[in-house]
C-alpha atoms as a PDB file:
ATOM      1  CA  MET A   1     -14.564 -39.220  -1.345  1.00  0.00           C
ATOM      2  CA  PRO A   2     -17.792 -39.241   0.678  1.00  0.00           C
ATOM      3  CA  LEU A   3     -20.787 -37.493  -0.827  1.00  0.00           C
ATOM      4  CA  SER A   4     -21.504 -35.674   2.442  1.00  0.00           C
ATOM      5  CA  THR A   5     -18.016 -34.091   2.417  1.00  0.00           C
ATOM      6  CA  LEU A   6     -18.473 -32.869  -1.145  1.00  0.00           C
ATOM      7  CA  LEU A   7     -21.879 -31.493  -0.278  1.00  0.00           C
ATOM      8  CA  LEU A   8     -20.476 -29.678   2.788  1.00  0.00           C
ATOM      9  CA  PHE A   9     -17.653 -28.212   0.722  1.00  0.00           C
ATOM     10  CA  GLY A  10     -20.089 -27.019  -1.945  1.00  0.00           C
ATOM     11  CA  LEU A  11     -22.366 -25.409   0.619  1.00  0.00           C
ATOM     12  CA  CYS A  12     -19.461 -23.614   2.311  1.00  0.00           C
ATOM     13  CA  ALA A  13     -18.032 -22.351  -0.977  1.00  0.00           C
ATOM     14  CA  GLY A  14     -21.460 -21.241  -2.212  1.00  0.00           C
ATOM     15  CA  GLY A  15     -22.240 -19.472   1.053  1.00  0.00           C
ATOM     16  CA  LEU A  16     -18.903 -17.668   0.946  1.00  0.00           C
ATOM     17  CA  LEU A  17     -19.465 -16.499  -2.639  1.00  0.00           C
ATOM     18  CA  ILE A  18     -22.970 -15.297  -1.796  1.00  0.00           C
ATOM     19  CA  ALA A  19     -21.663 -13.410   1.250  1.00  0.00           C
ATOM     20  CA  VAL A  20     -18.925 -11.676  -0.763  1.00  0.00           C
ATOM     21  CA  ALA A  21     -21.360 -10.796  -3.557  1.00  0.00           C
ATOM     22  CA  GLY A  22     -23.855  -9.473  -1.036  1.00  0.00           C
ATOM     23  CA  LEU A  23     -21.235  -7.246   0.577  1.00  0.00           C
ATOM     24  CA  ARG A  24     -20.262  -5.914  -2.838  1.00  0.00           C
ATOM     25  CA  TRP A  25     -23.890  -5.163  -3.761  1.00  0.00           C
ATOM     26  CA  LEU A  26     -24.497  -3.441  -0.443  1.00  0.00           C
ATOM     27  CA  GLN A  27     -21.425  -1.280  -0.976  1.00  0.00           C
ATOM     28  CA  MET A  28     -22.569  -0.317  -4.491  1.00  0.00           C
ATOM     29  CA  ASP A  29     -26.034   0.490  -3.148  1.00  0.00           C
ATOM     30  CA  VAL A  30     -24.578   2.744  -0.441  1.00  0.00           C
ATOM     31  CA  VAL A  31     -22.379   4.593  -2.950  1.00  0.00           C
ATOM     32  CA  LEU A  32     -25.294   5.077  -5.344  1.00  0.00           C
ATOM     33  CA  ARG A  33     -27.537   6.369  -2.566  1.00  0.00           C
ATOM     34  CA  GLU A  34     -24.871   8.807  -1.397  1.00  0.00           C
ATOM     35  CA  ARG A  35     -24.375  10.119  -4.918  1.00  0.00           C
ATOM     36  CA  ILE A  36     -28.094  10.615  -5.363  1.00  0.00           C
ATOM     37  CA  GLU A  37     -28.310  12.496  -2.084  1.00  0.00           C
ATOM     38  CA  GLY A  38     -25.256  14.585  -2.972  1.00  0.00           C
ATOM     39  CA  GLN A  39     -23.190  13.221  -0.091  1.00  0.00           C
ATOM     40  CA  ALA A  40     -20.488  11.330  -1.987  1.00  0.00           C
ATOM     41  CA  LEU A  41     -17.550  13.340  -0.676  1.00  0.00           C
ATOM     42  CA  VAL A  42     -14.328  11.542  -1.411  1.00  0.00           C
ATOM     43  CA  GLY A  43     -11.667  12.694   0.992  1.00  0.00           C
ATOM     44  CA  VAL A  44      -9.870  12.177   4.227  1.00  0.00           C
ATOM     45  CA  GLY A  45     -11.333  12.294   7.693  1.00  0.00           C
ATOM     46  CA  GLN A  46     -15.003  12.733   6.779  1.00  0.00           C
ATOM     47  CA  ALA A  47     -16.379   9.538   8.229  1.00  0.00           C
ATOM     48  CA  GLY A  48     -17.664  11.295  11.306  1.00  0.00           C
ATOM     49  CA  GLY A  49     -21.324  12.180  11.383  1.00  0.00           C
ATOM     50  CA  ARG A  50     -22.325   9.625   8.747  1.00  0.00           C
ATOM     51  CA  ARG A  51     -24.769   6.859   9.248  1.00  0.00           C
ATOM     52  CA  ARG A  52     -23.239   3.433   8.702  1.00  0.00           C
ATOM     53  CA  ASN A  53     -25.568   1.131   6.818  1.00  0.00           C
ATOM     54  CA  LEU A  54     -23.508  -1.998   7.418  1.00  0.00           C
ATOM     55  CA  ARG A  55     -21.923  -1.950  10.825  1.00  0.00           C
ATOM     56  CA  VAL A  56     -18.835  -3.976  11.567  1.00  0.00           C
ATOM     57  CA  PRO A  57     -18.975  -6.041  14.771  1.00  0.00           C
ATOM     58  CA  ARG A  58     -17.166  -4.227  17.559  1.00  0.00           C
ATOM     59  CA  ALA A  59     -14.945  -7.240  18.242  1.00  0.00           C
ATOM     60  CA  LEU A  60     -13.544  -7.077  14.689  1.00  0.00           C
ATOM     61  CA  LEU A  61     -12.749  -3.371  14.694  1.00  0.00           C
ATOM     62  CA  ALA A  62      -9.101  -2.442  15.123  1.00  0.00           C
ATOM     63  CA  ARG A  63      -8.139  -0.195  18.010  1.00  0.00           C
ATOM     64  CA  GLY A  64      -5.276   2.043  19.006  1.00  0.00           C
ATOM     65  CA  LYS A  65      -2.057   1.649  17.062  1.00  0.00           C
ATOM     66  CA  ASP A  66      -3.486  -1.067  14.820  1.00  0.00           C
ATOM     67  CA  LEU A  67      -6.359   1.205  13.762  1.00  0.00           C
ATOM     68  CA  ALA A  68      -3.952   4.068  13.048  1.00  0.00           C
ATOM     69  CA  GLU A  69      -1.761   1.794  10.916  1.00  0.00           C
ATOM     70  CA  ILE A  70      -4.757   0.523   8.932  1.00  0.00           C
ATOM     71  CA  GLU A  71      -6.060   4.062   8.342  1.00  0.00           C
ATOM     72  CA  LYS A  72      -2.620   5.215   7.211  1.00  0.00           C
ATOM     73  CA  GLY A  73      -2.220   2.169   4.972  1.00  0.00           C
ATOM     74  CA  LEU A  74      -5.617   2.694   3.336  1.00  0.00           C
ATOM     75  CA  ARG A  75      -4.868   6.374   2.754  1.00  0.00           C
ATOM     76  CA  ARG A  76      -1.437   5.644   1.288  1.00  0.00           C
ATOM     77  CA  ALA A  77      -2.881   2.858  -0.855  1.00  0.00           C
ATOM     78  CA  GLY A  78      -5.397   5.273  -2.392  1.00  0.00           C
ATOM     79  CA  TYR A  79      -8.553   3.991  -0.699  1.00  0.00           C
ATOM     80  CA  LEU A  80      -9.954   7.339   0.381  1.00  0.00           C
ATOM     81  CA  GLN A  81     -13.640   6.505   0.761  1.00  0.00           C
ATOM     82  CA  PRO A  82     -15.104   7.329   4.197  1.00  0.00           C
ATOM     83  CA  ARG A  83     -16.107   3.689   4.753  1.00  0.00           C
ATOM     84  CA  ALA A  84     -12.813   2.214   3.567  1.00  0.00           C
ATOM     85  CA  ILE A  85     -11.969   0.822   6.996  1.00  0.00           C
ATOM     86  CA  GLU A  86     -15.282  -1.033   7.267  1.00  0.00           C
ATOM     87  CA  VAL A  87     -14.918  -2.453   3.760  1.00  0.00           C
ATOM     88  CA  PHE A  88     -11.367  -3.563   4.544  1.00  0.00           C
ATOM     89  CA  VAL A  89     -12.487  -5.306   7.749  1.00  0.00           C
ATOM     90  CA  TRP A  90     -15.319  -7.115   5.960  1.00  0.00           C
ATOM     91  CA  LEU A  91     -13.062  -8.221   3.097  1.00  0.00           C
ATOM     92  CA  ARG A  92     -10.376  -9.394   5.525  1.00  0.00           C
ATOM     93  CA  MET A  93     -12.920 -11.377   7.504  1.00  0.00           C
ATOM     94  CA  ALA A  94     -14.366 -12.942   4.332  1.00  0.00           C
ATOM     95  CA  ALA A  95     -10.902 -13.904   3.080  1.00  0.00           C
ATOM     96  CA  ALA A  96      -9.908 -15.375   6.456  1.00  0.00           C
ATOM     97  CA  LEU A  97     -13.133 -17.380   6.701  1.00  0.00           C
ATOM     98  CA  GLY A  98     -12.763 -18.613   3.125  1.00  0.00           C
ATOM     99  CA  VAL A  99      -9.190 -19.787   3.677  1.00  0.00           C
ATOM    100  CA  ALA A 100     -10.175 -21.390   6.983  1.00  0.00           C
ATOM    101  CA  VAL A 101     -13.043 -23.314   5.372  1.00  0.00           C
ATOM    102  CA  LEU A 102     -10.862 -24.502   2.495  1.00  0.00           C
ATOM    103  CA  THR A 103      -8.124 -25.557   4.916  1.00  0.00           C
ATOM    104  CA  PHE A 104     -10.592 -27.417   7.115  1.00  0.00           C
ATOM    105  CA  VAL A 105     -12.084 -29.292   4.159  1.00  0.00           C
ATOM    106  CA  SER A 106      -8.665 -30.133   2.689  1.00  0.00           C
ATOM    107  CA  VAL A 107      -7.242 -31.419   5.973  1.00  0.00           C
ATOM    108  CA  ARG A 108     -10.466 -33.291   6.736  1.00  0.00           C
ATOM    109  CA  LEU A 109     -10.256 -35.091   3.386  1.00  0.00           C
ATOM    110  CA  ALA A 110      -6.608 -36.020   3.959  1.00  0.00           C
ATOM    111  CA  SER A 111      -6.938 -37.002   7.621  1.00  0.00           C
ATOM    112  CA  PRO A 112      -9.887 -38.384   9.585  1.00  0.00           C
ATOM    113  CA  SER A 113      -8.927 -36.345  12.665  1.00  0.00           C
ATOM    114  CA  GLY A 114     -11.423 -33.557  13.177  1.00  0.00           C
ATOM    115  CA  MET A 115      -9.331 -31.847  15.863  1.00  0.00           C
ATOM    116  CA  LYS A 116      -6.341 -31.607  13.520  1.00  0.00           C
ATOM    117  CA  ALA A 117      -8.511 -30.058  10.819  1.00  0.00           C
ATOM    118  CA  PHE A 118      -9.952 -27.572  13.311  1.00  0.00           C
ATOM    119  CA  PHE A 119      -6.552 -26.364  14.531  1.00  0.00           C
ATOM    120  CA  CYS A 120      -5.211 -26.120  10.963  1.00  0.00           C
ATOM    121  CA  ALA A 121      -8.248 -24.055   9.972  1.00  0.00           C
ATOM    122  CA  LEU A 122      -7.778 -21.842  13.031  1.00  0.00           C
ATOM    123  CA  ALA A 123      -4.115 -21.284  12.142  1.00  0.00           C
ATOM    124  CA  ALA A 124      -5.033 -20.494   8.537  1.00  0.00           C
ATOM    125  CA  PHE A 125      -7.634 -17.989   9.717  1.00  0.00           C
ATOM    126  CA  GLY A 126      -5.090 -16.181  11.909  1.00  0.00           C
ATOM    127  CA  LEU A 127      -2.385 -16.148   9.245  1.00  0.00           C
ATOM    128  CA  THR A 128      -4.799 -14.784   6.625  1.00  0.00           C
ATOM    129  CA  TRP A 129      -6.060 -12.139   9.058  1.00  0.00           C
ATOM    130  CA  ILE A 130      -2.473 -10.959   9.646  1.00  0.00           C
ATOM    131  CA  ALA A 131      -1.439 -11.287   6.007  1.00  0.00           C
ATOM    132  CA  ALA A 132      -4.259  -8.956   4.897  1.00  0.00           C
ATOM    133  CA  LYS A 133      -2.623  -6.079   6.747  1.00  0.00           C
ATOM    134  CA  TYR A 134       0.761  -6.811   5.197  1.00  0.00           C
ATOM    135  CA  ALA A 135      -0.863  -7.001   1.766  1.00  0.00           C
ATOM    136  CA  LEU A 136      -2.345  -3.547   2.377  1.00  0.00           C
ATOM    137  CA  GLN A 137       1.076  -2.212   3.344  1.00  0.00           C
ATOM    138  CA  MET A 138       2.616  -3.690   0.187  1.00  0.00           C
ATOM    139  CA  ARG A 139      -0.118  -2.061  -1.899  1.00  0.00           C
ATOM    140  CA  ALA A 140       0.559   1.268  -0.172  1.00  0.00           C
ATOM    141  CA  LYS A 141       4.299   1.025  -0.834  1.00  0.00           C
ATOM    142  CA  ALA A 142       3.696   0.172  -4.486  1.00  0.00           C
ATOM    143  CA  ARG A 143       1.417   3.193  -4.920  1.00  0.00           C
ATOM    144  CA  GLU A 144       3.923   5.415  -3.111  1.00  0.00           C
ATOM    145  CA  ARG A 145       6.692   4.305  -5.485  1.00  0.00           C
ATOM    146  CA  VAL A 146       4.499   5.111  -8.499  1.00  0.00           C
ATOM    147  CA  LEU A 147       3.635   8.559  -7.134  1.00  0.00           C
ATOM    148  CA  LEU A 148       7.272   9.302  -6.339  1.00  0.00           C
ATOM    149  CA  ILE A 149       8.315   8.302  -9.860  1.00  0.00           C
ATOM    150  CA  GLU A 150       5.674  10.560 -11.418  1.00  0.00           C
ATOM    151  CA  PHE A 151       6.203  13.496  -9.050  1.00  0.00           C
ATOM    152  CA  PRO A 152       9.247  15.058 -10.867  1.00  0.00           C
ATOM    153  CA  PHE A 153       7.346  14.938 -14.172  1.00  0.00           C
ATOM    154  CA  LEU A 154       4.372  16.606 -12.485  1.00  0.00           C
ATOM    155  CA  LEU A 155       6.612  19.425 -11.213  1.00  0.00           C
ATOM    156  CA  ASP A 156       8.152  19.931 -14.657  1.00  0.00           C
ATOM    157  CA  LEU A 157       4.702  20.061 -16.262  1.00  0.00           C
ATOM    158  CA  MET A 158       3.501  22.634 -13.740  1.00  0.00           C
ATOM    159  CA  LEU A 159       6.583  24.801 -14.194  1.00  0.00           C
ATOM    160  CA  MET A 160       6.335  24.660 -17.975  1.00  0.00           C
ATOM    161  CA  MET A 161       2.641  25.613 -17.961  1.00  0.00           C
ATOM    162  CA  LEU A 162       3.115  28.417 -15.423  1.00  0.00           C
ATOM    163  CA  GLU A 163       6.034  29.863 -17.380  1.00  0.00           C
ATOM    164  CA  SER A 164       3.839  29.931 -20.481  1.00  0.00           C
ATOM    165  CA  GLY A 165       1.380  32.232 -18.672  1.00  0.00           C
ATOM    166  CA  VAL A 166      -1.313  29.736 -17.659  1.00  0.00           C
ATOM    167  CA  SER A 167      -3.038  30.334 -14.320  1.00  0.00           C
ATOM    168  CA  LEU A 168      -2.680  27.856 -11.482  1.00  0.00           C
ATOM    169  CA  ASP A 169      -6.315  26.804 -11.691  1.00  0.00           C
ATOM    170  CA  GLN A 170      -5.950  26.090 -15.417  1.00  0.00           C
ATOM    171  CA  VAL A 171      -2.787  24.100 -14.691  1.00  0.00           C
ATOM    172  CA  PHE A 172      -4.775  21.802 -12.420  1.00  0.00           C
ATOM    173  CA  ARG A 173      -7.487  21.325 -15.027  1.00  0.00           C
ATOM    174  CA  ALA A 174      -5.038  20.775 -17.883  1.00  0.00           C
ATOM    175  CA  ILE A 175      -3.122  18.099 -15.979  1.00  0.00           C
ATOM    176  CA  ALA A 176      -6.325  16.354 -14.891  1.00  0.00           C
ATOM    177  CA  ARG A 177      -7.706  16.432 -18.433  1.00  0.00           C
ATOM    178  CA  ASP A 178      -4.721  16.083 -20.797  1.00  0.00           C
ATOM    179  CA  GLU A 179      -1.867  14.407 -18.904  1.00  0.00           C
ATOM    180  CA  ARG A 180      -3.388  11.072 -17.975  1.00  0.00           C
ATOM    181  CA  ALA A 181      -0.857   9.278 -20.162  1.00  0.00           C
ATOM    182  CA  THR A 182       2.151  11.099 -18.692  1.00  0.00           C
ATOM    183  CA  VAL A 183       1.289  11.136 -14.982  1.00  0.00           C
ATOM    184  CA  PRO A 184      -1.815   8.917 -14.648  1.00  0.00           C
ATOM    185  CA  SER A 185      -1.817   8.662 -10.848  1.00  0.00           C
ATOM    186  CA  HIS A 186      -1.255  12.366 -10.253  1.00  0.00           C
ATOM    187  CA  ALA A 187      -3.725  13.254 -12.997  1.00  0.00           C
ATOM    188  CA  HIS A 188      -6.367  11.302 -11.071  1.00  0.00           C
ATOM    189  CA  MET A 189      -5.452  13.178  -7.886  1.00  0.00           C
ATOM    190  CA  MET A 190      -5.618  16.476  -9.764  1.00  0.00           C
ATOM    191  CA  GLY A 191      -9.040  15.498 -11.060  1.00  0.00           C
ATOM    192  CA  MET A 192     -10.213  15.026  -7.480  1.00  0.00           C
ATOM    193  CA  LEU A 193      -8.748  18.424  -6.582  1.00  0.00           C
ATOM    194  CA  VAL A 194     -10.625  20.023  -9.488  1.00  0.00           C
ATOM    195  CA  ASP A 195     -13.824  18.317  -8.359  1.00  0.00           C
ATOM    196  CA  ASP A 196     -13.369  19.776  -4.869  1.00  0.00           C
ATOM    197  CA  LEU A 197     -12.884  23.261  -6.312  1.00  0.00           C
ATOM    198  CA  ASP A 198     -15.890  22.905  -8.605  1.00  0.00           C
ATOM    199  CA  ARG A 199     -18.044  21.996  -5.598  1.00  0.00           C
ATOM    200  CA  GLY A 200     -17.081  25.313  -4.000  1.00  0.00           C
ATOM    201  CA  GLN A 201     -14.436  23.976  -1.637  1.00  0.00           C
ATOM    202  CA  ASP A 202     -12.124  26.571  -0.155  1.00  0.00           C
ATOM    203  CA  TYR A 203      -8.695  26.568  -1.824  1.00  0.00           C
ATOM    204  CA  GLN A 204      -6.814  26.048   1.425  1.00  0.00           C
ATOM    205  CA  ILE A 205      -8.917  23.044   2.396  1.00  0.00           C
ATOM    206  CA  ALA A 206      -8.771  21.669  -1.145  1.00  0.00           C
ATOM    207  CA  PHE A 207      -4.965  21.903  -1.183  1.00  0.00           C
ATOM    208  CA  GLU A 208      -4.737  20.198   2.191  1.00  0.00           C
ATOM    209  CA  ARG A 209      -6.990  17.401   0.990  1.00  0.00           C
ATOM    210  CA  TRP A 210      -4.908  17.012  -2.176  1.00  0.00           C
ATOM    211  CA  ALA A 211      -1.673  16.769  -0.154  1.00  0.00           C
ATOM    212  CA  ALA A 212      -3.279  14.208   2.174  1.00  0.00           C
ATOM    213  CA  ARG A 213      -4.420  12.113  -0.791  1.00  0.00           C
ATOM    214  CA  VAL A 214      -0.998  12.145  -2.463  1.00  0.00           C
ATOM    215  CA  ASP A 215       0.859  11.655   0.843  1.00  0.00           C
ATOM    216  CA  VAL A 216       4.386  11.517  -0.578  1.00  0.00           C
ATOM    217  CA  GLN A 217       7.456  13.541   0.271  1.00  0.00           C
ATOM    218  CA  GLY A 218       7.152  17.020  -1.207  1.00  0.00           C
ATOM    219  CA  ALA A 219       3.364  17.089  -1.590  1.00  0.00           C
ATOM    220  CA  ARG A 220       2.677  19.141   1.541  1.00  0.00           C
ATOM    221  CA  GLU A 221       5.503  21.581   0.712  1.00  0.00           C
ATOM    222  CA  LEU A 222       4.045  22.037  -2.770  1.00  0.00           C
ATOM    223  CA  SER A 223       0.599  22.589  -1.260  1.00  0.00           C
ATOM    224  CA  SER A 224       2.079  25.293   0.970  1.00  0.00           C
ATOM    225  CA  LEU A 225       3.577  26.984  -2.094  1.00  0.00           C
ATOM    226  CA  PHE A 226       0.162  27.034  -3.749  1.00  0.00           C
ATOM    227  CA  ARG A 227      -1.458  28.599  -0.678  1.00  0.00           C
ATOM    228  CA  GLN A 228       1.262  31.224  -0.306  1.00  0.00           C
ATOM    229  CA  SER A 229       0.988  32.115  -3.971  1.00  0.00           C
ATOM    230  CA  MET A 230      -2.790  32.521  -3.886  1.00  0.00           C
ATOM    231  CA  PHE A 231      -3.247  34.212  -0.517  1.00  0.00           C
ATOM    232  CA  GLN A 232       0.029  36.003   0.186  1.00  0.00           C
ATOM    233  CA  GLY A 233       0.948  37.244  -3.280  1.00  0.00           C
ATOM    234  CA  MET A 234       4.158  35.230  -3.609  1.00  0.00           C
ATOM    235  CA  GLU A 235       5.452  34.696  -7.150  1.00  0.00           C
ATOM    236  CA  LEU A 236       4.905  31.042  -7.829  1.00  0.00           C
ATOM    237  CA  VAL A 237       7.249  30.444 -10.781  1.00  0.00           C
ATOM    238  CA  PRO A 238      10.551  31.346  -9.012  1.00  0.00           C
ATOM    239  CA  ALA A 239       9.465  29.565  -5.841  1.00  0.00           C
ATOM    240  CA  LEU A 240       8.446  26.472  -7.800  1.00  0.00           C
ATOM    241  CA  ARG A 241      11.739  26.503  -9.702  1.00  0.00           C
ATOM    242  CA  GLU A 242      13.661  26.652  -6.409  1.00  0.00           C
ATOM    243  CA  PHE A 243      11.466  23.905  -4.964  1.00  0.00           C
ATOM    244  CA  ILE A 244      12.218  21.680  -7.973  1.00  0.00           C
ATOM    245  CA  ARG A 245      15.959  22.272  -7.536  1.00  0.00           C
ATOM    246  CA  GLU A 246      15.823  21.365  -3.832  1.00  0.00           C
ATOM    247  CA  PHE A 247      13.619  18.366  -4.552  1.00  0.00           C
ATOM    248  CA  SER A 248      16.112  17.113  -7.149  1.00  0.00           C
ATOM    249  CA  GLN A 249      18.932  17.472  -4.631  1.00  0.00           C
ATOM    250  CA  ARG A 250      16.962  15.490  -2.068  1.00  0.00           C
ATOM    251  CA  ARG A 251      16.339  12.760  -4.651  1.00  0.00           C
ATOM    252  CA  VAL A 252      20.066  12.549  -5.374  1.00  0.00           C
ATOM    253  CA  MET A 253      20.820  12.309  -1.650  1.00  0.00           C
ATOM    254  CA  ARG A 254      18.230   9.542  -1.217  1.00  0.00           C
ATOM    255  CA  ALA A 255      19.730   7.697  -4.186  1.00  0.00           C
ATOM    256  CA  LYS A 256      23.209   7.914  -2.628  1.00  0.00           C
ATOM    257  CA  GLU A 257      21.847   6.633   0.684  1.00  0.00           C
ATOM    258  CA  ALA A 258      20.166   3.744  -1.125  1.00  0.00           C
ATOM    259  CA  ILE A 259      23.427   2.921  -2.917  1.00  0.00           C
ATOM    260  CA  GLY A 260      25.257   2.919   0.425  1.00  0.00           C
ATOM    261  CA  THR A 261      22.657   0.599   1.911  1.00  0.00           C
ATOM    262  CA  ILE A 262      22.936  -1.770  -1.051  1.00  0.00           C
ATOM    263  CA  THR A 263      26.727  -1.797  -0.699  1.00  0.00           C
ATOM    264  CA  VAL A 264      26.455  -2.808   2.964  1.00  0.00           C
ATOM    265  CA  ARG A 265      23.998  -5.557   2.080  1.00  0.00           C
ATOM    266  CA  MET A 266      26.295  -6.880  -0.640  1.00  0.00           C
ATOM    267  CA  VAL A 267      29.221  -6.990   1.814  1.00  0.00           C
ATOM    268  CA  ILE A 268      27.111  -8.923   4.317  1.00  0.00           C
ATOM    269  CA  LEU A 269      25.993 -11.354   1.607  1.00  0.00           C
ATOM    270  CA  MET A 270      29.589 -11.881   0.522  1.00  0.00           C
ATOM    271  CA  LEU A 271      30.643 -12.582   4.101  1.00  0.00           C
ATOM    272  CA  ILE A 272      27.809 -15.062   4.581  1.00  0.00           C
ATOM    273  CA  PHE A 273      28.029 -16.972   1.296  1.00  0.00           C
ATOM    274  CA  PHE A 274      31.538 -16.444  -0.132  1.00  0.00           C
ATOM    275  CA  MET A 275      33.790 -16.522   2.924  1.00  0.00           C
ATOM    276  CA  PRO A 276      32.926 -20.092   4.009  1.00  0.00           C
ATOM    277  CA  ALA A 277      33.599 -21.372   0.501  1.00  0.00           C
ATOM    278  CA  LEU A 278      36.849 -19.394   0.369  1.00  0.00           C
ATOM    279  CA  PHE A 279      37.977 -20.837   3.704  1.00  0.00           C
ATOM    280  CA  ILE A 280      37.209 -24.343   2.454  1.00  0.00           C
ATOM    281  CA  VAL A 281      39.226 -23.814  -0.738  1.00  0.00           C
ATOM    282  CA  LEU A 282      42.211 -22.260   1.054  1.00  0.00           C
ATOM    283  CA  ALA A 283      42.289 -24.337   4.189  1.00  0.00           C
ATOM    284  CA  GLY A 284      41.035 -27.629   2.781  1.00  0.00           C
ATOM    285  CA  PRO A 285      44.279 -28.971   1.220  1.00  0.00           C
ATOM    286  CA  PRO A 286      46.520 -28.131   4.222  1.00  0.00           C
ATOM    287  CA  VAL A 287      44.041 -29.689   6.639  1.00  0.00           C
ATOM    288  CA  ALA A 288      43.771 -32.810   4.462  1.00  0.00           C
ATOM    289  CA  ALA A 289      47.592 -33.064   4.285  1.00  0.00           C
ATOM    290  CA  ILE A 290      47.914 -32.709   8.071  1.00  0.00           C
ATOM    291  CA  LEU A 291      45.286 -35.392   8.636  1.00  0.00           C
ATOM    292  CA  ASP A 292      47.059 -37.751   6.188  1.00  0.00           C
ATOM    293  CA  THR A 293      50.369 -37.137   7.969  1.00  0.00           C
ATOM    294  CA  LEU A 294      48.857 -37.789  11.359  1.00  0.00           C
ATOM    295  CA  SER A 295      47.144 -40.941  10.176  1.00  0.00           C
ATOM    296  CA  GLY A 296      50.396 -42.194   8.570  1.00  0.00           C
ATOM    297  CA  THR A 297      52.347 -41.473  11.733  1.00  0.00           C
ATOM    298  CA  ALA A 298      49.806 -43.295  13.841  1.00  0.00           C
ATOM    299  CA  GLY A 299      49.857 -46.292  11.477  1.00  0.00           C
ATOM    300  CA  GLY A 300      53.700 -46.494  11.486  1.00  0.00           C
ATOM    301  CA  SER A 301      53.930 -46.468  15.233  1.00  0.00           C
END
């Protein structure tokens, strides 16, 4: 292996590591500065009006439907920082460049053709750039599954605490403080809701922000129940009990729909994989006998 190739590979790898570390340090510096200035507001839709310390090149920024999908994916995945989109773009670009450099070096070592290595690196860059978005969507779906699993336990905890005479505000604080082992994801979200309230946030806005952070089926309806209870005098315990009953019914209906979908998939798999083998077993001997008869008849004549 030529020394120049090894040196080029080492320089590329070192430069990539330095770039990634520099981006991480810049991000930590921005977060620390915002906390010191009292501007570290973690939420949804507050990126406007902020000064961006590390601007993303305009050519790399997503637009239109792609931008909306990335924003939704970051929100559903739990990345709620105002600069989450910029960080995602920088990380995706760093990963794509890293994979492209590694592909170029690997192909260049295996083949002397520089054009082949260039096109392979270009293809690897594009595939990594696309795969980053799918990885974000997979992360969002995984977080959504966790939140949906914990959501019934969260409702039961709230109902139990409210029936014992605890106020709604104390319910939020108790879940955020004491239920991290039972509902860890929702306890973190409740902690962010409590932080918003402690900073003097209006209850309506705080509930809307909490529902946007959770972003699962039933969160916005539960937020509406909280607002109606606090500002319209509605009794929360009966309404929450009825909401839990309806939510359980919806879960059962979704489970039945999932079972029906699985049944259809199993039938399709059986048709694809079992039916050809069954046809071979049933029709193989008669076809072989007919062919032997025809061959014998042809030989006798």
